[in-house]
């Protein structure tokens, strides 16, 4: 997800905001709950950071060279 498209969904739940970040390429979705008073940018950055971490963990490690 170097420069891939990410969709954000915002749903207010009382004094909190549920933010979903979805990677358009893989369909991977993460959810964060933030204070409703946070700015939209802060909410998106938090969700995007969690999505990046999830995608990095899901990536297979690079192949190792085998010496014979």
C-alpha atoms as a PDB file:
ATOM      1  CA  UNK A   1       0.000   0.000   0.000  1.00  0.00           C
ATOM      2  CA  UNK A   2       2.658   2.498  -0.952  1.00  0.00           C
ATOM      3  CA  UNK A   3       0.311   5.009  -2.536  1.00  0.00           C
ATOM      4  CA  UNK A   4      -2.865   2.975  -2.799  1.00  0.00           C
ATOM      5  CA  UNK A   5      -6.352   4.334  -2.395  1.00  0.00           C
ATOM      6  CA  UNK A   6      -7.896   4.207   1.075  1.00  0.00           C
ATOM      7  CA  UNK A   7     -11.566   4.688   1.891  1.00  0.00           C
ATOM      8  CA  UNK A   8     -12.635   6.178   5.239  1.00  0.00           C
ATOM      9  CA  UNK A   9     -16.001   5.773   6.937  1.00  0.00           C
ATOM     10  CA  UNK A  10     -17.051   7.920   9.910  1.00  0.00           C
ATOM     11  CA  UNK A  11     -19.909   7.010  12.258  1.00  0.00           C
ATOM     12  CA  UNK A  12     -20.630   9.041  15.391  1.00  0.00           C
ATOM     13  CA  UNK A  13     -21.506   7.002  18.476  1.00  0.00           C
ATOM     14  CA  UNK A  14     -22.404   9.441  21.232  1.00  0.00           C
ATOM     15  CA  UNK A  15     -19.238  11.311  22.214  1.00  0.00           C
ATOM     16  CA  UNK A  16     -17.055   9.008  20.129  1.00  0.00           C
ATOM     17  CA  UNK A  17     -16.377   8.522  16.439  1.00  0.00           C
ATOM     18  CA  UNK A  18     -15.965   5.100  14.837  1.00  0.00           C
ATOM     19  CA  UNK A  19     -13.534   5.411  11.926  1.00  0.00           C
ATOM     20  CA  UNK A  20     -12.998   2.612   9.426  1.00  0.00           C
ATOM     21  CA  UNK A  21     -10.057   2.683   7.007  1.00  0.00           C
ATOM     22  CA  UNK A  22     -10.306   0.297   4.053  1.00  0.00           C
ATOM     23  CA  UNK A  23      -7.505  -0.458   1.603  1.00  0.00           C
ATOM     24  CA  UNK A  24      -9.069  -0.410  -1.869  1.00  0.00           C
ATOM     25  CA  UNK A  25      -6.615  -2.937  -3.308  1.00  0.00           C
ATOM     26  CA  UNK A  26      -6.833  -5.686  -0.689  1.00  0.00           C
ATOM     27  CA  UNK A  27     -10.138  -4.890   1.019  1.00  0.00           C
ATOM     28  CA  UNK A  28      -8.377  -4.953   4.391  1.00  0.00           C
ATOM     29  CA  UNK A  29     -10.332  -2.960   6.970  1.00  0.00           C
ATOM     30  CA  UNK A  30      -9.370  -1.599  10.386  1.00  0.00           C
ATOM     31  CA  UNK A  31     -11.515   0.217  12.928  1.00  0.00           C
ATOM     32  CA  UNK A  32     -10.498   2.857  15.469  1.00  0.00           C
ATOM     33  CA  UNK A  33     -12.622   4.679  18.035  1.00  0.00           C
ATOM     34  CA  UNK A  34     -11.673   8.313  18.618  1.00  0.00           C
ATOM     35  CA  UNK A  35     -13.094  11.211  20.604  1.00  0.00           C
ATOM     36  CA  UNK A  36     -15.674  13.079  18.542  1.00  0.00           C
ATOM     37  CA  UNK A  37     -13.793  16.294  19.389  1.00  0.00           C
ATOM     38  CA  UNK A  38     -10.698  15.139  17.453  1.00  0.00           C
ATOM     39  CA  UNK A  39     -10.205  16.688  14.038  1.00  0.00           C
ATOM     40  CA  UNK A  40     -11.015  14.715  10.920  1.00  0.00           C
ATOM     41  CA  UNK A  41      -7.309  14.741  10.000  1.00  0.00           C
ATOM     42  CA  UNK A  42      -6.334  13.303  13.388  1.00  0.00           C
ATOM     43  CA  UNK A  43      -8.932  10.556  13.014  1.00  0.00           C
ATOM     44  CA  UNK A  44      -7.757   9.678   9.509  1.00  0.00           C
ATOM     45  CA  UNK A  45      -4.080   9.636  10.533  1.00  0.00           C
ATOM     46  CA  UNK A  46      -4.795   7.266  13.410  1.00  0.00           C
ATOM     47  CA  UNK A  47      -6.839   4.904  11.230  1.00  0.00           C
ATOM     48  CA  UNK A  48      -4.302   5.058   8.392  1.00  0.00           C
ATOM     49  CA  UNK A  49      -1.447   4.248  10.771  1.00  0.00           C
ATOM     50  CA  UNK A  50      -3.300   1.188  12.036  1.00  0.00           C
ATOM     51  CA  UNK A  51      -4.095   0.110   8.460  1.00  0.00           C
ATOM     52  CA  UNK A  52      -0.457   0.444   7.405  1.00  0.00           C
ATOM     53  CA  UNK A  53       0.636  -1.640  10.382  1.00  0.00           C
ATOM     54  CA  UNK A  54      -1.935  -4.337   9.572  1.00  0.00           C
ATOM     55  CA  UNK A  55      -0.883  -4.450   5.913  1.00  0.00           C
ATOM     56  CA  UNK A  56       2.820  -4.622   6.824  1.00  0.00           C
ATOM     57  CA  UNK A  57       2.131  -7.536   9.186  1.00  0.00           C
ATOM     58  CA  UNK A  58       0.163  -9.340   6.479  1.00  0.00           C
ATOM     59  CA  UNK A  59       2.941  -8.979   3.883  1.00  0.00           C
ATOM     60  CA  UNK A  60       5.142 -12.011   3.495  1.00  0.00           C
ATOM     61  CA  UNK A  61       8.763 -11.484   4.504  1.00  0.00           C
ATOM     62  CA  UNK A  62      11.218 -11.010   1.644  1.00  0.00           C
ATOM     63  CA  UNK A  63      12.813 -14.230   0.391  1.00  0.00           C
ATOM     64  CA  UNK A  64      16.156 -15.136   1.874  1.00  0.00           C
ATOM     65  CA  UNK A  65      19.075 -16.184  -0.270  1.00  0.00           C
ATOM     66  CA  UNK A  66      19.984 -19.787   0.070  1.00  0.00           C
ATOM     67  CA  UNK A  67      23.604 -20.672  -0.277  1.00  0.00           C
ATOM     68  CA  UNK A  68      24.348 -24.180  -1.478  1.00  0.00           C
END
